[in-house]
């Protein structure tokens, strides 16, 4: 009985993540999700109360499973250099966003994450505090170390946002990227190379900003 109950709830979450990701919160319907999950509307209401409750559960499940499968430390340790920790962070984020075992990129559930960032729902606030805020602080800390003495938080945060934005760009711009240069289409076998490029590009940008700080140009 327990397996059956758990299975129904998980099927609803799976279907809802796909439908919310493709259609968005407003266009998706409980009936549509229930049919895709092989369940009835009453089951959705039983487990999640309403559409907002279901959406909150989907967002929580996506974030929790994504960070569990691809933690931002990605094999690095606090004793590693900031370069190694930045490389691990970027690699984890790219795999979380783009891989089939993560959120699946443009054709997967990463679209839900992009929609949420563009048009935040009430569910984002709680999820942000639990899942996103700690990783944001981790990245800002790494960048601060790389920038060195004289860098304030404003500069470090701007750099951190630029790094994350590069990774997200490969989600929402994937159809265009595939047309511009198919070899850069972020399919599974290209994620490692893409992550390495974002890391190196970001490291170069941070080095340039560190130089401007040293010259007193960015205070």
N, C-alpha and C. Protein backbone atom coordinates (compact mmCIF):
# COMPACT_ATOMS: atom_id res chain seq x y z
N UNK A 1 0.83 -1.21 0.00
CA UNK A 1 0.00 0.00 0.00
C UNK A 1 0.87 1.26 0.00
N UNK A 2 1.93 1.23 0.82
CA UNK A 2 2.82 2.38 0.90
C UNK A 2 3.47 2.66 -0.45
N UNK A 3 3.91 1.59 -1.14
CA UNK A 3 4.55 1.75 -2.43
C UNK A 3 3.58 2.37 -3.44
N UNK A 4 2.32 1.93 -3.39
CA UNK A 4 1.32 2.45 -4.31
C UNK A 4 1.06 3.93 -4.07
N UNK A 5 0.93 4.32 -2.79
CA UNK A 5 0.69 5.72 -2.45
C UNK A 5 1.86 6.58 -2.89
N UNK A 6 3.08 6.13 -2.55
CA UNK A 6 4.27 6.88 -2.93
C UNK A 6 4.36 6.99 -4.44
N UNK A 7 4.05 5.91 -5.14
CA UNK A 7 4.11 5.93 -6.59
C UNK A 7 3.17 6.93 -7.20
N UNK A 8 1.96 7.02 -6.69
CA UNK A 8 0.98 7.99 -7.20
C UNK A 8 1.47 9.41 -7.01
N UNK A 9 1.95 9.72 -5.83
CA UNK A 9 2.44 11.07 -5.54
C UNK A 9 3.62 11.42 -6.44
N UNK A 10 4.54 10.47 -6.61
CA UNK A 10 5.71 10.73 -7.44
C UNK A 10 5.33 10.90 -8.91
N UNK A 11 4.37 10.12 -9.37
CA UNK A 11 3.92 10.26 -10.77
C UNK A 11 3.31 11.64 -11.00
N UNK A 12 2.57 12.11 -10.01
CA UNK A 12 1.97 13.45 -10.13
C UNK A 12 3.06 14.53 -10.17
N UNK A 13 4.04 14.40 -9.30
CA UNK A 13 5.16 15.35 -9.30
C UNK A 13 5.90 15.34 -10.62
N UNK A 14 6.15 14.15 -11.16
CA UNK A 14 6.86 14.02 -12.43
C UNK A 14 6.08 14.71 -13.55
N UNK A 15 4.80 14.38 -13.65
CA UNK A 15 3.97 14.96 -14.70
C UNK A 15 3.86 16.47 -14.54
N UNK A 16 3.69 16.92 -13.31
CA UNK A 16 3.53 18.36 -13.06
C UNK A 16 4.80 19.13 -13.42
N UNK A 17 5.96 18.56 -13.12
CA UNK A 17 7.22 19.24 -13.46
C UNK A 17 7.33 19.44 -14.96
N UNK A 18 6.96 18.42 -15.73
CA UNK A 18 7.03 18.53 -17.19
C UNK A 18 6.04 19.55 -17.71
N UNK A 19 4.82 19.50 -17.21
CA UNK A 19 3.76 20.38 -17.73
C UNK A 19 3.97 21.82 -17.27
N UNK A 20 4.33 22.03 -16.02
CA UNK A 20 4.63 23.38 -15.57
C UNK A 20 5.80 23.95 -16.35
N UNK A 21 6.80 23.09 -16.64
CA UNK A 21 7.97 23.55 -17.37
C UNK A 21 7.65 23.97 -18.79
N UNK A 22 6.78 23.23 -19.46
CA UNK A 22 6.46 23.54 -20.86
C UNK A 22 5.36 24.59 -21.01
N UNK A 23 4.35 24.52 -20.15
CA UNK A 23 3.20 25.41 -20.30
C UNK A 23 3.23 26.62 -19.38
N UNK A 24 3.96 26.51 -18.27
CA UNK A 24 3.94 27.57 -17.28
C UNK A 24 2.84 27.35 -16.25
N UNK A 25 2.95 28.01 -15.11
CA UNK A 25 2.01 27.80 -14.02
C UNK A 25 0.58 28.18 -14.42
N UNK A 26 0.42 29.32 -15.05
CA UNK A 26 -0.92 29.82 -15.32
C UNK A 26 -1.68 28.96 -16.34
N UNK A 27 -0.98 28.48 -17.37
CA UNK A 27 -1.65 27.71 -18.42
C UNK A 27 -1.90 26.25 -18.03
N UNK A 28 -1.07 25.70 -17.16
CA UNK A 28 -1.23 24.30 -16.76
C UNK A 28 -2.50 24.12 -15.94
N UNK A 29 -3.13 22.96 -16.08
CA UNK A 29 -4.34 22.68 -15.30
C UNK A 29 -4.15 21.41 -14.49
N UNK A 30 -4.84 21.33 -13.38
CA UNK A 30 -4.80 20.15 -12.53
C UNK A 30 -5.29 18.92 -13.31
N UNK A 31 -6.32 19.09 -14.09
CA UNK A 31 -6.86 17.96 -14.87
C UNK A 31 -5.83 17.44 -15.86
N UNK A 32 -5.17 18.34 -16.53
CA UNK A 32 -4.14 17.97 -17.49
C UNK A 32 -3.01 17.18 -16.80
N UNK A 33 -2.60 17.64 -15.65
CA UNK A 33 -1.53 16.98 -14.90
C UNK A 33 -1.98 15.61 -14.41
N UNK A 34 -3.19 15.54 -13.89
CA UNK A 34 -3.72 14.27 -13.40
C UNK A 34 -3.78 13.23 -14.50
N UNK A 35 -4.24 13.63 -15.67
CA UNK A 35 -4.32 12.69 -16.80
C UNK A 35 -2.93 12.21 -17.20
N UNK A 36 -1.96 13.11 -17.25
CA UNK A 36 -0.60 12.73 -17.62
C UNK A 36 0.02 11.78 -16.60
N UNK A 37 -0.39 11.91 -15.33
CA UNK A 37 0.16 11.07 -14.26
C UNK A 37 -0.60 9.76 -14.11
N UNK A 38 -1.69 9.58 -14.87
CA UNK A 38 -2.51 8.39 -14.71
C UNK A 38 -3.22 8.37 -13.37
N UNK A 39 -3.58 9.56 -12.90
CA UNK A 39 -4.26 9.69 -11.61
C UNK A 39 -5.55 10.49 -11.83
N UNK A 40 -6.29 10.71 -10.77
CA UNK A 40 -7.48 11.54 -10.89
C UNK A 40 -7.28 12.86 -10.15
N UNK A 41 -8.14 13.80 -10.42
CA UNK A 41 -8.02 15.13 -9.82
C UNK A 41 -8.09 15.05 -8.30
N UNK A 42 -8.89 14.14 -7.79
CA UNK A 42 -9.02 14.00 -6.34
C UNK A 42 -7.69 13.62 -5.70
N UNK A 43 -6.90 12.79 -6.40
CA UNK A 43 -5.59 12.39 -5.87
C UNK A 43 -4.65 13.59 -5.79
N UNK A 44 -4.69 14.45 -6.82
CA UNK A 44 -3.86 15.65 -6.80
C UNK A 44 -4.25 16.54 -5.63
N UNK A 45 -5.54 16.73 -5.44
CA UNK A 45 -6.01 17.56 -4.33
C UNK A 45 -5.68 16.94 -2.98
N UNK A 46 -5.72 15.62 -2.91
CA UNK A 46 -5.42 14.92 -1.66
C UNK A 46 -3.97 15.16 -1.23
N UNK A 47 -3.07 15.03 -2.16
CA UNK A 47 -1.65 15.15 -1.83
C UNK A 47 -1.16 16.59 -1.74
N UNK A 48 -1.73 17.47 -2.57
CA UNK A 48 -1.14 18.81 -2.72
C UNK A 48 -2.12 19.95 -2.47
N UNK A 49 -3.36 19.65 -2.18
CA UNK A 49 -4.40 20.63 -1.84
C UNK A 49 -4.92 21.40 -3.04
N UNK A 50 -4.03 22.05 -3.79
CA UNK A 50 -4.46 22.82 -4.95
C UNK A 50 -3.28 23.00 -5.89
N UNK A 51 -3.48 23.76 -6.96
CA UNK A 51 -2.42 23.91 -7.96
C UNK A 51 -1.20 24.62 -7.37
N UNK A 52 -1.42 25.61 -6.53
CA UNK A 52 -0.30 26.31 -5.92
C UNK A 52 0.50 25.38 -5.02
N UNK A 53 -0.22 24.53 -4.26
CA UNK A 53 0.47 23.56 -3.42
C UNK A 53 1.27 22.57 -4.23
N UNK A 54 0.72 22.13 -5.36
CA UNK A 54 1.43 21.22 -6.24
C UNK A 54 2.67 21.89 -6.83
N UNK A 55 2.50 23.12 -7.27
CA UNK A 55 3.63 23.83 -7.86
C UNK A 55 4.76 24.01 -6.83
N UNK A 56 4.40 24.35 -5.61
CA UNK A 56 5.41 24.51 -4.56
C UNK A 56 6.14 23.20 -4.32
N UNK A 57 5.40 22.10 -4.32
CA UNK A 57 6.01 20.78 -4.11
C UNK A 57 6.94 20.42 -5.26
N UNK A 58 6.53 20.74 -6.48
CA UNK A 58 7.38 20.47 -7.65
C UNK A 58 8.68 21.27 -7.56
N UNK A 59 8.57 22.54 -7.26
CA UNK A 59 9.76 23.40 -7.17
C UNK A 59 10.70 22.90 -6.08
N UNK A 60 10.14 22.54 -4.93
CA UNK A 60 10.94 22.01 -3.83
C UNK A 60 11.63 20.72 -4.24
N UNK A 61 10.89 19.82 -4.90
CA UNK A 61 11.45 18.53 -5.31
C UNK A 61 12.55 18.72 -6.34
N UNK A 62 12.34 19.60 -7.31
CA UNK A 62 13.35 19.85 -8.33
C UNK A 62 14.64 20.38 -7.72
N UNK A 63 14.51 21.36 -6.87
CA UNK A 63 15.70 21.96 -6.26
C UNK A 63 16.42 20.98 -5.35
N UNK A 64 15.66 20.28 -4.50
CA UNK A 64 16.29 19.34 -3.57
C UNK A 64 17.00 18.23 -4.31
N UNK A 65 16.35 17.64 -5.30
CA UNK A 65 16.97 16.52 -6.02
C UNK A 65 18.14 17.00 -6.87
N UNK A 66 18.03 18.19 -7.46
CA UNK A 66 19.11 18.71 -8.29
C UNK A 66 20.37 18.98 -7.49
N UNK A 67 20.22 19.62 -6.34
CA UNK A 67 21.38 19.92 -5.51
C UNK A 67 21.93 18.66 -4.83
N UNK A 68 21.08 17.68 -4.59
CA UNK A 68 21.55 16.43 -4.01
C UNK A 68 22.37 15.64 -5.03
N UNK A 69 21.90 15.60 -6.26
CA UNK A 69 22.60 14.83 -7.29
C UNK A 69 23.87 15.53 -7.76
N UNK A 70 23.81 16.85 -7.87
CA UNK A 70 24.97 17.62 -8.33
C UNK A 70 25.27 18.73 -7.33
N UNK A 71 25.85 18.39 -6.18
CA UNK A 71 26.16 19.40 -5.17
C UNK A 71 27.20 20.39 -5.69
N UNK A 72 27.11 21.62 -5.24
CA UNK A 72 27.97 22.67 -5.77
C UNK A 72 29.45 22.44 -5.48
N UNK A 73 29.76 21.65 -4.45
CA UNK A 73 31.18 21.36 -4.18
C UNK A 73 31.74 20.38 -5.20
N UNK A 74 30.91 19.51 -5.76
CA UNK A 74 31.25 18.59 -6.84
C UNK A 74 32.63 17.95 -6.65
N UNK A 75 32.86 17.39 -5.47
CA UNK A 75 34.11 16.69 -5.21
C UNK A 75 35.22 17.56 -4.66
N UNK A 76 35.04 18.87 -4.64
CA UNK A 76 36.07 19.75 -4.07
C UNK A 76 35.91 19.81 -2.56
N UNK A 77 36.91 20.37 -1.88
CA UNK A 77 36.88 20.50 -0.43
C UNK A 77 37.15 21.96 -0.05
N UNK A 78 36.80 22.36 1.18
CA UNK A 78 37.07 23.74 1.61
C UNK A 78 38.55 24.09 1.58
N UNK A 79 39.43 23.09 1.62
CA UNK A 79 40.87 23.35 1.60
C UNK A 79 41.41 23.55 0.20
N UNK A 80 40.61 23.26 -0.82
CA UNK A 80 41.07 23.46 -2.19
C UNK A 80 41.16 24.95 -2.51
N UNK A 81 41.92 25.27 -3.54
CA UNK A 81 42.06 26.66 -3.96
C UNK A 81 40.72 27.19 -4.46
N UNK A 82 40.53 28.52 -4.46
CA UNK A 82 39.27 29.06 -4.99
C UNK A 82 39.08 28.73 -6.46
N UNK A 83 40.17 28.57 -7.22
CA UNK A 83 40.06 28.19 -8.62
C UNK A 83 39.42 26.80 -8.75
N UNK A 84 39.88 25.86 -7.95
CA UNK A 84 39.34 24.50 -7.99
C UNK A 84 37.87 24.51 -7.56
N UNK A 85 37.54 25.28 -6.53
CA UNK A 85 36.16 25.33 -6.05
C UNK A 85 35.23 26.02 -7.05
N UNK A 86 35.75 27.04 -7.76
CA UNK A 86 34.95 27.68 -8.81
C UNK A 86 34.69 26.70 -9.95
N UNK A 87 35.71 25.98 -10.35
CA UNK A 87 35.56 25.00 -11.42
C UNK A 87 34.50 23.96 -11.04
N UNK A 88 34.53 23.49 -9.80
CA UNK A 88 33.56 22.50 -9.33
C UNK A 88 32.15 23.09 -9.32
N UNK A 89 32.02 24.32 -8.87
CA UNK A 89 30.71 24.98 -8.80
C UNK A 89 30.09 25.10 -10.18
N UNK A 90 30.87 25.58 -11.14
CA UNK A 90 30.36 25.77 -12.50
C UNK A 90 29.99 24.42 -13.12
N UNK A 91 30.83 23.44 -12.93
CA UNK A 91 30.55 22.10 -13.48
C UNK A 91 29.25 21.55 -12.91
N UNK A 92 29.07 21.68 -11.60
CA UNK A 92 27.84 21.19 -10.96
C UNK A 92 26.62 21.91 -11.50
N UNK A 93 26.71 23.23 -11.65
CA UNK A 93 25.57 24.00 -12.14
C UNK A 93 25.21 23.61 -13.57
N UNK A 94 26.21 23.43 -14.42
CA UNK A 94 25.95 23.04 -15.81
C UNK A 94 25.30 21.67 -15.87
N UNK A 95 25.79 20.73 -15.10
CA UNK A 95 25.19 19.40 -15.10
C UNK A 95 23.78 19.43 -14.51
N UNK A 96 23.59 20.23 -13.47
CA UNK A 96 22.27 20.33 -12.85
C UNK A 96 21.25 20.89 -13.85
N UNK A 97 21.65 21.88 -14.60
CA UNK A 97 20.74 22.53 -15.53
C UNK A 97 20.51 21.73 -16.81
N UNK A 98 21.57 21.10 -17.34
CA UNK A 98 21.53 20.61 -18.71
C UNK A 98 21.45 19.11 -18.87
N UNK A 99 21.89 18.34 -17.88
CA UNK A 99 21.95 16.89 -18.08
C UNK A 99 20.59 16.24 -17.88
N UNK A 100 20.43 15.08 -18.48
CA UNK A 100 19.19 14.31 -18.34
C UNK A 100 18.99 13.87 -16.90
N UNK A 101 20.06 13.67 -16.16
CA UNK A 101 19.97 13.28 -14.76
C UNK A 101 19.69 14.48 -13.86
N UNK A 102 19.82 15.67 -14.43
CA UNK A 102 19.49 16.89 -13.70
C UNK A 102 18.15 17.41 -14.15
N UNK A 103 18.14 18.65 -14.68
CA UNK A 103 16.88 19.28 -15.07
C UNK A 103 16.65 19.28 -16.57
N UNK A 104 17.60 18.73 -17.33
CA UNK A 104 17.33 18.43 -18.74
C UNK A 104 17.33 19.57 -19.72
N UNK A 105 17.84 20.75 -19.35
CA UNK A 105 17.98 21.84 -20.31
C UNK A 105 16.67 22.38 -20.85
N UNK A 106 16.74 22.91 -22.06
CA UNK A 106 15.59 23.60 -22.67
C UNK A 106 14.40 22.67 -22.83
N UNK A 107 14.65 21.41 -23.13
CA UNK A 107 13.56 20.46 -23.36
C UNK A 107 13.16 19.73 -22.08
N UNK A 108 13.73 20.10 -20.96
CA UNK A 108 13.40 19.45 -19.70
C UNK A 108 12.90 20.42 -18.66
N UNK A 109 13.14 20.09 -17.42
CA UNK A 109 12.56 20.87 -16.32
C UNK A 109 13.32 22.13 -16.00
N UNK A 110 14.49 22.29 -16.60
CA UNK A 110 15.20 23.56 -16.42
C UNK A 110 14.37 24.72 -16.95
N UNK A 111 13.47 24.44 -17.89
CA UNK A 111 12.59 25.49 -18.40
C UNK A 111 11.72 26.04 -17.27
N UNK A 112 11.33 25.19 -16.34
CA UNK A 112 10.55 25.65 -15.20
C UNK A 112 11.37 26.62 -14.36
N UNK A 113 12.66 26.29 -14.17
CA UNK A 113 13.53 27.16 -13.39
C UNK A 113 13.70 28.52 -14.07
N UNK A 114 13.85 28.50 -15.39
CA UNK A 114 13.99 29.75 -16.13
C UNK A 114 12.71 30.57 -16.03
N UNK A 115 11.56 29.92 -16.19
CA UNK A 115 10.28 30.62 -16.05
C UNK A 115 10.14 31.23 -14.66
N UNK A 116 10.58 30.49 -13.66
CA UNK A 116 10.46 30.96 -12.28
C UNK A 116 11.33 32.20 -12.05
N UNK A 117 12.51 32.22 -12.65
CA UNK A 117 13.39 33.38 -12.50
C UNK A 117 12.84 34.58 -13.25
N UNK A 118 12.19 34.34 -14.40
CA UNK A 118 11.64 35.44 -15.19
C UNK A 118 10.34 35.99 -14.61
N UNK A 119 9.55 35.08 -14.01
CA UNK A 119 8.23 35.48 -13.48
C UNK A 119 8.01 34.74 -12.16
N UNK A 120 8.64 35.19 -11.08
CA UNK A 120 8.64 34.44 -9.82
C UNK A 120 7.24 34.23 -9.26
N UNK A 121 7.02 33.04 -8.76
CA UNK A 121 5.77 32.71 -8.10
C UNK A 121 5.95 32.89 -6.59
N UNK A 122 4.87 32.85 -5.82
CA UNK A 122 5.01 32.94 -4.36
C UNK A 122 5.84 31.79 -3.78
N UNK A 123 5.98 30.70 -4.52
CA UNK A 123 6.73 29.55 -4.02
C UNK A 123 8.22 29.80 -3.99
N UNK A 124 8.68 30.79 -4.75
CA UNK A 124 10.12 30.98 -4.88
C UNK A 124 10.78 31.42 -3.58
N UNK A 125 10.08 32.23 -2.78
CA UNK A 125 10.71 32.80 -1.59
C UNK A 125 11.20 31.72 -0.63
N UNK A 126 10.34 30.76 -0.30
CA UNK A 126 10.73 29.71 0.63
C UNK A 126 11.81 28.83 0.01
N UNK A 127 11.66 28.49 -1.26
CA UNK A 127 12.65 27.65 -1.93
C UNK A 127 13.98 28.37 -2.03
N UNK A 128 13.94 29.67 -2.24
CA UNK A 128 15.17 30.45 -2.34
C UNK A 128 15.98 30.36 -1.05
N UNK A 129 15.32 30.55 0.07
CA UNK A 129 16.02 30.54 1.35
C UNK A 129 16.63 29.18 1.65
N UNK A 130 15.92 28.12 1.30
CA UNK A 130 16.41 26.77 1.61
C UNK A 130 17.50 26.30 0.67
N UNK A 131 17.37 26.59 -0.61
CA UNK A 131 18.23 25.96 -1.59
C UNK A 131 19.18 26.90 -2.32
N UNK A 132 18.70 28.06 -2.71
CA UNK A 132 19.49 28.92 -3.59
C UNK A 132 20.41 29.85 -2.81
N UNK A 133 19.90 30.42 -1.73
CA UNK A 133 20.69 31.37 -0.94
C UNK A 133 22.03 30.80 -0.46
N UNK A 134 22.08 29.60 0.10
CA UNK A 134 23.37 29.07 0.56
C UNK A 134 24.38 28.90 -0.57
N UNK A 135 23.90 28.52 -1.75
CA UNK A 135 24.82 28.32 -2.88
C UNK A 135 25.26 29.66 -3.47
N UNK A 136 24.37 30.65 -3.42
CA UNK A 136 24.76 31.99 -3.84
C UNK A 136 25.88 32.50 -2.95
N UNK A 137 25.73 32.31 -1.64
CA UNK A 137 26.76 32.77 -0.72
C UNK A 137 28.08 32.02 -0.93
N UNK A 138 27.97 30.74 -1.26
CA UNK A 138 29.17 29.95 -1.55
C UNK A 138 29.93 30.54 -2.73
N UNK A 139 29.20 30.84 -3.80
CA UNK A 139 29.84 31.39 -5.00
C UNK A 139 30.41 32.78 -4.75
N UNK A 140 29.67 33.62 -4.06
CA UNK A 140 30.17 34.96 -3.73
C UNK A 140 31.46 34.85 -2.91
N UNK A 141 31.50 33.90 -2.00
CA UNK A 141 32.71 33.70 -1.19
C UNK A 141 33.90 33.29 -2.03
N UNK A 142 33.67 32.38 -2.98
CA UNK A 142 34.75 31.93 -3.87
C UNK A 142 35.27 33.11 -4.69
N UNK A 143 34.35 33.86 -5.26
CA UNK A 143 34.73 35.00 -6.10
C UNK A 143 35.48 36.04 -5.28
N UNK A 144 35.04 36.28 -4.06
CA UNK A 144 35.72 37.25 -3.19
C UNK A 144 37.17 36.86 -2.97
N UNK A 145 37.41 35.56 -2.75
CA UNK A 145 38.79 35.09 -2.59
C UNK A 145 39.60 35.34 -3.86
N UNK A 146 38.99 35.08 -5.01
CA UNK A 146 39.71 35.26 -6.28
C UNK A 146 40.00 36.72 -6.56
N UNK A 147 39.09 37.60 -6.14
CA UNK A 147 39.29 39.04 -6.37
C UNK A 147 40.38 39.61 -5.46
N UNK A 148 40.54 39.03 -4.29
CA UNK A 148 41.60 39.46 -3.39
C UNK A 148 41.25 40.69 -2.58
N UNK A 149 42.25 41.22 -1.92
CA UNK A 149 42.06 42.37 -1.05
C UNK A 149 41.53 43.57 -1.84
N UNK A 150 40.61 44.27 -1.24
CA UNK A 150 40.09 45.49 -1.84
C UNK A 150 38.77 45.32 -2.55
N UNK A 151 38.34 44.06 -2.74
CA UNK A 151 37.06 43.82 -3.43
C UNK A 151 35.92 43.88 -2.42
N UNK A 152 34.89 44.63 -2.74
CA UNK A 152 33.74 44.64 -1.85
C UNK A 152 32.67 43.66 -2.35
N UNK A 153 31.65 43.46 -1.56
CA UNK A 153 30.64 42.47 -1.87
C UNK A 153 29.89 42.80 -3.16
N UNK A 154 29.69 44.07 -3.42
CA UNK A 154 28.98 44.48 -4.63
C UNK A 154 29.67 43.93 -5.88
N UNK A 155 30.98 44.05 -5.92
CA UNK A 155 31.74 43.57 -7.08
C UNK A 155 31.70 42.05 -7.16
N UNK A 156 31.87 41.40 -6.01
CA UNK A 156 31.85 39.93 -5.98
C UNK A 156 30.50 39.38 -6.41
N UNK A 157 29.42 40.03 -5.96
CA UNK A 157 28.08 39.58 -6.33
C UNK A 157 27.84 39.76 -7.83
N UNK A 158 28.31 40.87 -8.40
CA UNK A 158 28.16 41.09 -9.84
C UNK A 158 28.88 40.01 -10.64
N UNK A 159 30.05 39.63 -10.20
CA UNK A 159 30.80 38.55 -10.86
C UNK A 159 30.06 37.22 -10.73
N UNK A 160 29.54 36.94 -9.54
CA UNK A 160 28.82 35.68 -9.31
C UNK A 160 27.59 35.59 -10.21
N UNK A 161 26.86 36.70 -10.33
CA UNK A 161 25.67 36.71 -11.19
C UNK A 161 26.05 36.50 -12.66
N UNK A 162 27.17 37.05 -13.07
CA UNK A 162 27.63 36.87 -14.45
C UNK A 162 27.95 35.40 -14.73
N UNK A 163 28.57 34.73 -13.76
CA UNK A 163 28.92 33.32 -13.93
C UNK A 163 27.66 32.47 -14.08
N UNK A 164 26.72 32.68 -13.18
CA UNK A 164 25.49 31.89 -13.20
C UNK A 164 24.70 32.18 -14.48
N UNK A 165 24.69 33.45 -14.91
CA UNK A 165 23.95 33.82 -16.11
C UNK A 165 24.47 33.10 -17.35
N UNK A 166 25.77 32.90 -17.44
CA UNK A 166 26.32 32.17 -18.57
C UNK A 166 25.73 30.76 -18.64
N UNK A 167 25.64 30.10 -17.50
CA UNK A 167 25.13 28.73 -17.47
C UNK A 167 23.65 28.69 -17.85
N UNK A 168 22.87 29.62 -17.32
CA UNK A 168 21.45 29.65 -17.63
C UNK A 168 21.20 30.00 -19.10
N UNK A 169 22.10 30.77 -19.70
CA UNK A 169 21.93 31.14 -21.09
C UNK A 169 21.84 29.90 -21.99
N UNK A 170 22.58 28.86 -21.64
CA UNK A 170 22.57 27.65 -22.46
C UNK A 170 21.27 26.87 -22.32
N UNK A 171 20.46 27.24 -21.35
CA UNK A 171 19.14 26.62 -21.23
C UNK A 171 18.15 27.33 -22.16
N UNK A 172 17.94 28.64 -21.93
CA UNK A 172 16.86 29.31 -22.65
C UNK A 172 17.23 29.68 -24.08
N UNK A 173 18.53 29.71 -24.41
CA UNK A 173 18.92 30.06 -25.78
C UNK A 173 19.30 28.83 -26.59
N UNK A 174 19.07 27.64 -26.07
CA UNK A 174 19.52 26.42 -26.74
C UNK A 174 19.02 26.28 -28.18
N UNK A 175 17.76 26.56 -28.49
CA UNK A 175 17.33 26.42 -29.89
C UNK A 175 18.12 27.32 -30.85
N UNK A 176 18.46 28.53 -30.41
CA UNK A 176 19.22 29.45 -31.25
C UNK A 176 20.67 29.00 -31.35
N UNK A 177 21.24 28.59 -30.22
CA UNK A 177 22.63 28.11 -30.21
C UNK A 177 22.79 26.92 -31.15
N UNK A 178 21.81 26.02 -31.15
CA UNK A 178 21.87 24.83 -32.01
C UNK A 178 21.88 25.22 -33.48
N UNK A 179 21.23 26.33 -33.82
CA UNK A 179 21.22 26.78 -35.21
C UNK A 179 22.50 27.54 -35.57
N UNK A 180 23.01 28.31 -34.62
CA UNK A 180 24.23 29.07 -34.87
C UNK A 180 25.42 28.14 -35.08
N UNK A 181 25.54 27.18 -34.18
CA UNK A 181 26.67 26.25 -34.23
C UNK A 181 26.28 24.95 -33.55
N UNK A 182 25.88 23.95 -34.33
CA UNK A 182 25.40 22.70 -33.74
C UNK A 182 26.37 22.05 -32.76
N UNK A 183 27.66 22.25 -32.97
CA UNK A 183 28.64 21.62 -32.08
C UNK A 183 28.61 22.22 -30.68
N UNK A 184 28.00 23.39 -30.55
CA UNK A 184 27.88 24.01 -29.24
C UNK A 184 26.52 23.75 -28.60
N UNK A 185 25.69 22.98 -29.28
CA UNK A 185 24.41 22.58 -28.71
C UNK A 185 24.70 21.80 -27.43
N UNK A 186 24.22 22.26 -26.27
CA UNK A 186 24.61 21.63 -25.00
C UNK A 186 23.91 20.30 -24.73
N UNK A 187 24.12 19.35 -25.64
CA UNK A 187 23.64 18.01 -25.37
C UNK A 187 24.58 17.33 -24.38
N UNK A 188 24.18 16.16 -23.92
CA UNK A 188 24.86 15.51 -22.80
C UNK A 188 26.38 15.44 -22.95
N UNK A 189 26.85 15.04 -24.14
CA UNK A 189 28.29 14.83 -24.30
C UNK A 189 29.10 16.12 -24.36
N UNK A 190 28.42 17.27 -24.44
CA UNK A 190 29.14 18.54 -24.52
C UNK A 190 29.16 19.30 -23.20
N UNK A 191 28.49 18.81 -22.19
CA UNK A 191 28.36 19.57 -20.95
C UNK A 191 29.71 19.80 -20.29
N UNK A 192 30.55 18.79 -20.28
CA UNK A 192 31.87 18.92 -19.64
C UNK A 192 32.67 20.03 -20.30
N UNK A 193 32.68 20.04 -21.62
CA UNK A 193 33.43 21.06 -22.37
C UNK A 193 32.84 22.44 -22.14
N UNK A 194 31.53 22.52 -22.13
CA UNK A 194 30.85 23.80 -21.92
C UNK A 194 31.18 24.35 -20.52
N UNK A 195 31.12 23.49 -19.53
CA UNK A 195 31.41 23.92 -18.15
C UNK A 195 32.85 24.42 -18.04
N UNK A 196 33.76 23.74 -18.71
CA UNK A 196 35.16 24.16 -18.66
C UNK A 196 35.33 25.53 -19.32
N UNK A 197 34.62 25.76 -20.40
CA UNK A 197 34.70 27.07 -21.07
C UNK A 197 34.17 28.18 -20.15
N UNK A 198 32.99 27.95 -19.55
CA UNK A 198 32.42 28.96 -18.66
C UNK A 198 33.38 29.24 -17.50
N UNK A 199 33.98 28.19 -16.97
CA UNK A 199 34.94 28.36 -15.87
C UNK A 199 36.12 29.22 -16.29
N UNK A 200 36.74 28.88 -17.42
CA UNK A 200 37.93 29.60 -17.86
C UNK A 200 37.59 31.05 -18.23
N UNK A 201 36.47 31.23 -18.91
CA UNK A 201 36.04 32.58 -19.30
C UNK A 201 35.79 33.42 -18.05
N UNK A 202 35.14 32.83 -17.07
CA UNK A 202 34.84 33.55 -15.83
C UNK A 202 36.12 33.87 -15.06
N UNK A 203 37.03 32.92 -15.04
CA UNK A 203 38.29 33.14 -14.34
C UNK A 203 39.05 34.31 -14.97
N UNK A 204 39.03 34.37 -16.31
CA UNK A 204 39.69 35.48 -16.99
C UNK A 204 39.03 36.81 -16.67
N UNK A 205 37.70 36.84 -16.63
CA UNK A 205 37.00 38.07 -16.29
C UNK A 205 37.29 38.53 -14.88
N UNK A 206 37.32 37.58 -13.96
CA UNK A 206 37.62 37.91 -12.56
C UNK A 206 39.04 38.47 -12.44
N UNK A 207 39.97 37.88 -13.19
CA UNK A 207 41.36 38.36 -13.15
C UNK A 207 41.44 39.80 -13.65
N UNK A 208 40.68 40.12 -14.67
CA UNK A 208 40.68 41.49 -15.19
C UNK A 208 40.10 42.47 -14.17
N UNK A 209 39.02 42.07 -13.53
CA UNK A 209 38.42 42.94 -12.52
C UNK A 209 39.34 43.10 -11.33
N UNK A 210 40.02 42.02 -10.96
CA UNK A 210 40.99 42.13 -9.87
C UNK A 210 42.07 43.15 -10.22
N UNK A 211 42.48 43.17 -11.47
CA UNK A 211 43.49 44.13 -11.90
C UNK A 211 42.98 45.55 -11.80
N UNK A 212 41.72 45.77 -12.18
CA UNK A 212 41.16 47.13 -12.09
C UNK A 212 41.04 47.58 -10.62
N UNK A 213 40.74 46.60 -9.74
CA UNK A 213 40.69 46.94 -8.31
C UNK A 213 42.05 47.37 -7.82
N UNK A 214 43.07 46.62 -8.26
CA UNK A 214 44.44 46.94 -7.86
C UNK A 214 44.89 48.30 -8.35
N UNK A 215 44.34 48.69 -9.51
CA UNK A 215 44.69 49.99 -10.06
C UNK A 215 43.80 51.12 -9.54
N UNK A 216 42.85 50.75 -8.66
CA UNK A 216 41.96 51.75 -8.09
C UNK A 216 40.88 52.21 -9.03
N UNK A 217 40.58 51.41 -10.08
CA UNK A 217 39.60 51.82 -11.09
C UNK A 217 38.19 51.38 -10.75
N UNK A 218 38.02 50.47 -9.79
CA UNK A 218 36.69 49.91 -9.55
C UNK A 218 36.38 49.92 -8.08
N UNK A 219 36.27 51.08 -7.52
CA UNK A 219 36.00 51.23 -6.09
C UNK A 219 34.73 52.03 -5.87
